[in-house]
Protein backbone atom coordinates (compact mmCIF):
# COMPACT_ATOMS: atom_id res chain seq x y z
CA MET A 1 -31.02 159.34 74.46
CA ARG A 2 -31.94 162.43 76.41
CA ALA A 3 -35.51 163.63 76.79
CA ARG A 4 -36.29 166.67 74.67
CA GLU A 5 -38.27 169.69 75.78
CA LYS A 6 -40.01 170.74 72.57
CA THR A 7 -38.93 174.26 71.68
CA ILE A 8 -38.30 176.21 68.51
CA GLU A 9 -36.40 179.01 70.24
CA PHE A 10 -33.12 178.19 68.44
CA LEU A 11 -34.75 177.79 65.03
CA GLN A 12 -36.81 180.96 65.42
CA TRP A 13 -33.69 182.88 66.41
CA MET A 14 -31.91 181.69 63.25
CA VAL A 15 -34.84 182.58 61.00
CA GLU A 16 -35.00 186.04 62.52
CA GLN A 17 -31.39 186.73 61.46
CA PRO A 18 -31.18 187.85 57.80
CA SER A 19 -28.51 186.05 55.79
CA PRO A 20 -29.07 186.46 52.03
CA SER A 21 -26.31 185.13 49.77
CA HIS A 22 -23.13 187.29 49.90
CA HIS A 23 -24.34 188.85 53.17
CA GLU A 24 -24.09 185.95 55.64
CA GLN A 25 -21.12 187.13 57.72
CA ALA A 26 -22.96 188.70 60.67
CA PHE A 27 -25.23 185.68 61.01
CA SER A 28 -22.32 183.25 60.67
CA ARG A 29 -20.43 184.92 63.53
CA ALA A 30 -23.56 185.04 65.69
CA LEU A 31 -24.31 181.38 64.99
CA ALA A 32 -20.78 180.31 65.92
CA GLU A 33 -21.05 182.26 69.17
CA ARG A 34 -24.44 180.73 69.93
CA LEU A 35 -23.18 177.20 69.26
CA GLY A 36 -20.18 177.84 71.48
CA GLN A 37 -22.54 178.70 74.30
CA ARG A 38 -24.28 175.35 73.74
CA GLY A 39 -21.04 173.39 74.13
CA TRP A 40 -19.86 173.10 70.52
CA ARG A 41 -16.37 174.07 69.38
CA ALA A 42 -17.31 176.68 66.81
CA HIS A 43 -15.76 179.33 64.60
CA THR A 44 -16.12 180.98 61.20
CA ASP A 45 -13.60 180.09 58.52
CA GLU A 46 -11.84 182.15 55.85
CA VAL A 47 -14.86 182.39 53.53
CA GLY A 48 -17.45 182.90 56.26
CA ASN A 49 -18.72 179.35 56.79
CA THR A 50 -19.86 178.41 60.28
CA ILE A 51 -17.80 175.40 61.41
CA ALA A 52 -18.69 173.57 64.61
CA THR A 53 -17.79 170.19 66.10
CA LEU A 54 -19.06 168.11 69.01
CA GLY A 55 -17.34 164.90 70.08
CA ASP A 56 -13.79 163.62 69.59
CA GLY A 57 -14.30 160.23 67.97
CA ASP A 58 -12.50 158.97 64.88
CA THR A 59 -15.70 158.55 62.85
CA CYS A 60 -16.64 161.91 61.35
CA ILE A 61 -20.30 162.54 60.49
CA ALA A 62 -20.60 165.72 58.41
CA LEU A 63 -23.84 167.66 58.77
CA LEU A 64 -23.61 169.77 55.63
CA GLY A 65 -26.02 172.68 55.43
CA HIS A 66 -26.15 176.23 54.13
CA ILE A 67 -26.74 179.41 56.07
CA ASP A 68 -27.59 181.69 53.16
CA THR A 69 -31.09 182.31 51.88
CA VAL A 70 -32.53 183.78 48.72
CA PRO A 71 -33.45 187.48 48.92
CA GLY A 72 -36.87 188.59 50.04
CA GLU A 73 -38.41 189.14 53.44
CA VAL A 74 -41.00 186.80 54.90
CA PRO A 75 -42.28 188.26 58.20
CA VAL A 76 -41.29 185.91 61.02
CA ARG A 77 -44.31 184.67 62.93
CA ILE A 78 -45.94 181.55 64.36
CA GLU A 79 -49.42 180.79 63.07
CA ASP A 80 -51.45 177.58 63.27
CA GLY A 81 -48.48 175.49 64.36
CA ARG A 82 -46.22 176.84 61.60
CA LEU A 83 -43.11 179.01 61.76
CA TYR A 84 -43.00 181.48 58.87
CA GLY A 85 -39.81 183.20 57.76
CA ARG A 86 -37.16 183.25 55.07
CA GLY A 87 -34.98 180.18 55.57
CA ALA A 88 -37.45 178.29 57.76
CA VAL A 89 -37.43 175.49 55.18
CA ASP A 90 -34.43 176.31 52.97
CA ALA A 91 -32.41 175.50 54.92
CA LYS A 92 -32.16 176.77 58.50
CA GLY A 93 -34.77 174.20 59.47
CA ALA A 94 -32.28 171.45 58.62
CA ILE A 95 -29.43 173.15 60.49
CA GLY A 96 -31.63 173.57 63.56
CA ALA A 97 -32.62 169.91 63.40
CA PHE A 98 -28.96 168.87 63.08
CA VAL A 99 -27.97 170.78 66.19
CA GLU A 100 -30.93 169.65 68.28
CA ALA A 101 -30.50 166.01 67.23
CA VAL A 102 -26.81 165.83 68.14
CA GLU A 103 -27.49 167.43 71.50
CA LEU A 104 -30.13 164.77 72.26
CA LEU A 105 -27.54 162.00 72.26
CA ASP A 106 -26.03 160.83 75.52
CA GLU A 107 -22.31 160.15 75.96
CA SER A 108 -22.57 156.46 75.06
CA GLU A 109 -24.39 157.30 71.80
CA ARG A 110 -21.73 159.87 70.85
CA ALA A 111 -18.82 157.55 71.69
CA GLY A 112 -16.37 157.10 68.82
CA LYS A 113 -18.03 159.82 66.71
CA GLN A 114 -17.34 163.42 65.86
CA PHE A 115 -20.22 165.52 64.58
CA LEU A 116 -19.04 168.17 62.12
CA LEU A 117 -21.56 170.92 61.41
CA LEU A 118 -20.80 172.83 58.20
CA GLY A 119 -22.95 175.92 57.72
CA CYS A 120 -21.89 176.97 54.24
CA VAL A 121 -22.24 180.32 52.53
CA GLU A 122 -23.42 181.04 48.98
CA GLU A 123 -25.26 177.80 48.23
CA GLU A 124 -28.09 179.73 46.60
CA VAL A 125 -25.80 181.25 43.94
CA ALA A 126 -23.85 179.73 41.07
CA ILE A 127 -20.41 179.36 42.64
CA THR A 128 -21.28 177.58 45.98
CA ARG A 129 -18.07 179.01 47.42
CA GLY A 130 -18.67 177.70 50.92
CA ALA A 131 -18.97 174.07 49.86
CA PHE A 132 -15.94 174.31 47.57
CA HIS A 133 -13.95 175.56 50.55
CA VAL A 134 -14.91 172.81 53.01
CA ARG A 135 -14.58 169.93 50.57
CA GLU A 136 -10.79 170.45 50.43
CA ARG A 137 -10.38 170.65 54.21
CA TYR A 138 -12.37 167.75 55.67
CA ARG A 139 -12.69 164.03 55.04
CA PRO A 140 -15.90 162.77 56.66
CA ASP A 141 -17.06 159.16 56.84
CA PHE A 142 -20.76 160.00 56.35
CA VAL A 143 -22.45 163.10 54.93
CA ILE A 144 -26.01 164.28 55.59
CA ASN A 145 -26.81 167.25 53.38
CA GLY A 146 -29.39 169.43 55.12
CA GLU A 147 -32.10 170.15 52.58
CA PRO A 148 -35.88 169.80 52.98
CA SER A 149 -37.10 166.33 52.07
CA GLY A 150 -39.92 165.89 54.59
CA ALA A 151 -39.49 164.19 57.95
CA HIS A 152 -40.25 160.73 56.53
CA ALA A 153 -38.45 161.05 53.18
CA LEU A 154 -34.86 160.90 51.92
CA THR A 155 -33.43 162.68 48.93
CA ILE A 156 -31.19 160.14 47.20
CA GLY A 157 -30.26 162.18 44.14
CA TYR A 158 -29.97 165.64 42.58
CA LYS A 159 -29.63 166.52 38.94
CA GLY A 160 -26.51 168.29 37.74
CA LEU A 161 -26.30 171.83 36.42
CA VAL A 162 -24.45 173.41 33.52
CA ARG A 163 -24.69 177.18 33.47
CA ALA A 164 -23.14 179.31 30.72
CA GLU A 165 -23.09 182.77 29.16
CA LEU A 166 -22.94 183.13 25.37
CA GLU A 167 -21.76 186.15 23.41
CA TYR A 168 -21.37 186.98 19.75
CA ARG A 169 -19.74 190.18 18.46
CA ALA A 170 -19.21 191.36 14.88
CA SER A 171 -18.30 194.54 13.04
CA LEU A 172 -21.30 196.71 12.34
CA ARG A 173 -22.77 196.18 8.85
CA HIS A 174 -25.82 197.38 7.01
CA THR A 175 -28.65 194.87 7.32
CA ALA A 176 -29.05 194.97 3.51
CA SER A 177 -25.48 193.72 3.01
CA ARG A 178 -24.96 190.46 1.12
CA ASP A 179 -24.95 187.43 3.45
CA TYR A 180 -25.73 189.57 6.50
CA ARG A 181 -26.75 187.70 9.66
CA ALA A 182 -27.64 189.54 12.83
CA ALA A 183 -25.63 188.79 15.93
CA ALA A 184 -28.74 187.39 17.56
CA GLU A 185 -29.09 184.75 14.84
CA HIS A 186 -25.75 183.17 15.76
CA LEU A 187 -26.84 182.69 19.35
CA VAL A 188 -30.21 181.36 18.21
CA GLU A 189 -28.35 178.80 16.10
CA ALA A 190 -26.26 177.72 19.12
CA TRP A 191 -29.37 177.46 21.28
CA SER A 192 -31.27 175.51 18.62
CA THR A 193 -28.41 173.02 18.30
CA LEU A 194 -28.43 172.43 22.03
CA ARG A 195 -32.23 172.22 22.19
CA ALA A 196 -32.36 169.63 19.39
CA ARG A 197 -29.71 167.48 21.07
CA CYS A 198 -31.55 167.59 24.42
CA ASP A 199 -34.90 166.76 22.81
CA GLU A 200 -33.38 163.71 21.15
CA TRP A 201 -31.58 162.63 24.35
CA ASN A 202 -34.71 163.02 26.48
CA ARG A 203 -37.03 161.14 24.15
CA VAL A 204 -36.35 157.72 25.70
CA ARG A 205 -35.24 158.69 29.23
CA PRO A 206 -37.07 159.28 32.53
CA LEU A 207 -37.07 162.76 34.03
CA PHE A 208 -34.07 162.35 36.34
CA GLU A 209 -31.90 161.22 33.42
CA GLN A 210 -33.01 163.97 31.05
CA ASP A 211 -31.17 167.18 30.16
CA LEU A 212 -33.46 170.16 30.64
CA PRO A 213 -32.20 173.36 28.98
CA SER A 214 -33.59 176.84 29.59
CA LEU A 215 -32.74 180.14 27.91
CA THR A 216 -32.82 182.47 30.90
CA SER A 217 -31.85 185.78 29.30
CA PHE A 218 -31.21 187.30 25.87
CA GLN A 219 -30.01 190.81 24.96
CA THR A 220 -28.82 192.52 21.81
CA GLY A 221 -27.28 195.89 21.09
CA THR A 222 -24.85 197.96 19.05
CA THR A 223 -21.93 200.31 19.56
CA GLU A 224 -20.51 202.73 17.00
CA THR A 225 -18.46 199.91 15.48
CA GLU A 226 -20.00 196.60 16.62
CA GLU A 227 -23.21 194.71 17.09
CA TRP A 228 -23.53 192.14 19.82
CA ALA A 229 -25.82 189.56 21.37
CA ARG A 230 -25.64 187.90 24.78
CA ALA A 231 -27.58 185.04 26.31
CA SER A 232 -27.60 182.98 29.50
CA VAL A 233 -28.33 179.24 29.42
CA ASN A 234 -29.01 176.72 32.22
CA ILE A 235 -29.14 172.97 31.67
CA ARG A 236 -30.35 170.60 34.38
CA THR A 237 -28.43 167.44 33.58
CA GLY A 238 -28.81 163.75 34.25
CA PRO A 239 -26.26 161.32 35.73
CA ASP A 240 -24.98 160.11 32.33
CA THR A 241 -24.51 163.56 30.83
CA ASP A 242 -21.13 164.96 29.81
CA GLY A 243 -21.35 168.65 30.71
CA GLU A 244 -18.28 169.52 28.65
CA ARG A 245 -19.97 168.04 25.61
CA LEU A 246 -22.96 170.31 26.07
CA LEU A 247 -20.70 173.35 26.40
CA SER A 248 -18.89 172.37 23.21
CA LEU A 249 -22.22 172.16 21.37
CA LEU A 250 -23.00 175.74 22.40
CA GLY A 251 -19.58 176.84 21.20
CA GLY A 252 -19.83 174.94 17.93
CA VAL A 253 -21.21 177.93 16.02
CA PRO A 254 -18.29 179.99 14.63
CA GLY A 255 -17.80 183.22 16.53
CA VAL A 256 -19.92 182.30 19.55
CA ASP A 257 -17.94 182.69 22.76
CA VAL A 258 -19.02 180.43 25.66
CA LYS A 259 -18.18 181.22 29.27
CA ALA A 260 -18.92 178.33 31.64
CA LEU A 261 -20.19 179.52 35.03
CA SER A 262 -20.97 176.12 36.50
CA ASN A 263 -20.59 172.48 35.55
CA LYS A 264 -21.81 170.23 38.36
CA GLY A 265 -22.51 166.59 37.74
CA ALA A 266 -25.64 164.85 38.99
CA VAL A 267 -25.34 162.87 42.23
CA SER A 268 -27.24 159.88 43.58
CA THR A 269 -27.11 156.84 45.82
CA ASP A 270 -28.90 153.54 45.39
CA GLY A 271 -30.51 153.94 48.82
CA ASN A 272 -28.88 150.77 50.16
CA ASP A 273 -25.71 152.04 51.86
CA GLU A 274 -25.19 152.23 55.64
CA LEU A 275 -26.52 155.78 55.86
CA SER A 276 -29.64 155.12 53.80
CA ARG A 277 -30.41 151.96 55.77
CA ALA A 278 -30.08 153.84 59.06
CA PHE A 279 -32.57 156.47 57.87
CA LYS A 280 -35.05 153.89 56.64
CA LYS A 281 -34.84 152.00 59.91
CA ALA A 282 -35.28 155.18 61.96
CA ILE A 283 -38.33 156.26 59.95
CA ARG A 284 -39.94 152.81 60.18
CA GLU A 285 -39.43 152.86 63.94
CA ARG A 286 -41.51 156.05 63.95
CA GLY A 287 -44.37 154.09 62.40
CA ALA A 288 -43.95 155.61 58.93
CA ARG A 289 -42.94 154.35 55.51
CA PRO A 290 -39.75 155.98 54.16
CA THR A 291 -40.04 157.71 50.79
CA LEU A 292 -37.06 158.04 48.44
CA ARG A 293 -36.89 161.21 46.33
CA LEU A 294 -34.91 162.27 43.27
CA LYS A 295 -34.81 166.05 42.81
CA THR A 296 -34.38 168.10 39.67
CA GLY A 297 -32.51 170.89 41.48
CA THR A 298 -28.96 170.95 42.87
CA SER A 299 -27.43 171.25 46.34
CA ASP A 300 -24.03 171.38 48.02
CA TRP A 301 -23.94 167.59 47.66
CA ASN A 302 -23.19 168.16 43.96
CA THR A 303 -20.17 170.26 44.93
CA VAL A 304 -18.57 167.89 47.44
CA ALA A 305 -19.42 164.55 45.81
CA ARG A 306 -16.25 164.05 43.76
CA ALA A 307 -14.03 164.67 46.79
CA TRP A 308 -16.15 162.92 49.43
CA ARG A 309 -16.81 159.46 48.07
CA VAL A 310 -18.64 158.28 51.18
CA PRO A 311 -22.29 157.43 51.98
CA THR A 312 -24.26 160.64 51.37
CA LEU A 313 -27.89 161.70 51.12
CA ALA A 314 -29.99 164.79 51.76
CA TYR A 315 -32.49 165.08 54.57
CA GLY A 316 -34.36 167.75 56.45
CA PRO A 317 -37.81 168.55 57.78
CA GLY A 318 -40.00 170.79 55.67
CA ASP A 319 -41.76 170.94 52.32
CA SER A 320 -39.33 171.81 49.52
CA SER A 321 -42.16 173.22 47.37
CA LEU A 322 -42.10 176.19 49.79
CA ASP A 323 -38.45 176.99 48.98
CA HIS A 324 -37.96 180.60 47.83
CA THR A 325 -41.68 181.39 48.07
CA PRO A 326 -43.22 184.43 49.81
CA HIS A 327 -45.06 182.13 52.24
CA GLU A 328 -42.10 179.94 53.28
CA HIS A 329 -42.81 178.11 56.54
CA ILE A 330 -42.17 174.89 58.43
CA ARG A 331 -44.67 172.90 60.47
CA LEU A 332 -43.53 172.69 64.06
CA ASP A 333 -44.65 169.08 64.48
CA GLU A 334 -42.66 168.08 61.42
CA TYR A 335 -39.59 169.90 62.74
CA GLU A 336 -39.82 167.87 65.94
CA GLU A 337 -40.29 164.66 63.95
CA GLY A 338 -37.21 165.47 61.88
CA ILE A 339 -35.14 165.95 65.03
CA ALA A 340 -36.31 162.57 66.37
CA VAL A 341 -35.45 160.79 63.11
CA LEU A 342 -32.03 162.42 62.90
CA ALA A 343 -31.15 161.62 66.50
CA ARG A 344 -31.98 157.97 65.94
CA VAL A 345 -29.94 157.88 62.71
CA LEU A 346 -26.89 159.38 64.43
CA THR A 347 -27.18 156.66 67.07
CA LEU A 348 -27.48 153.89 64.49
CA LEU A 349 -24.51 154.90 62.35
CA PRO A 350 -21.52 152.65 62.98
CA THR A 351 -18.08 153.82 64.05
CA ARG A 352 -15.17 153.16 61.72
CA PRO A 353 -12.22 150.99 62.80
């Protein structure tokens, strides 16, 4: 393995480039150009993802990250050994660590392997268009999803997500009419049915297996001829949940129209596959005890899991509690530690026959 001169120049450059969801194109092109200058074969694809490869081996190790960030500016600066800026943790820190780790390997450590960097667009929004695009075009042997876990921790599971919009419309009637029910009441009935089912389901299950619904918006109104009500619902789901069943519960009230925006299943690994073992070994060699995490959010792993049935987990330096916050930052010593762990993992992973 090559010696590394500790530098955050590449990471700081990435964090300085704005790339909020739906507006990643300029950064994606610049990143591909920058990677090309570093010796990667790099381009942007049809939807704007940054695609880069290094090595020509038959064993493909996908380094799956996202280049978009949530909106909001965090002034880029270095203070007290920390790099502040939007995306420093979520998730340009992981992409930077991927690139630096691969470049640390010598020729013998890269032999038989191809490192496929996937910088996806639109992970922070409902559709995850970038991950949907790459999952149909590549067939990796291992997948490391770049999300902050901490340098000595692995994320071995994410909850699923069902996201839906509800609407009820009816002809305008006087509120004193016989059997009158406001449009809002029909949506409240649908929500209450879902809430009761989730409460019963969750009563005997640990957090990762629970279904956690939230009513994220509610509006009502009238036109000259109609009254209407609309609502948005998110449900964080467990690994045994049938998302279609939850959607059917919402649509079980007559007249309520349900539009599904997302239905991603939960994902997890038992932490005992080749990839997990390589991470645990690498972390122990650093004198630390590996921590296994289950997260209640989602990631691009949820999107690619059904197509890529290979050893997968999420890893990246940084504290995920800083995601999306106005003081997002990454500790520089942890960034370096993450690079060291990743480089060792990439060395340990076996080549396929």
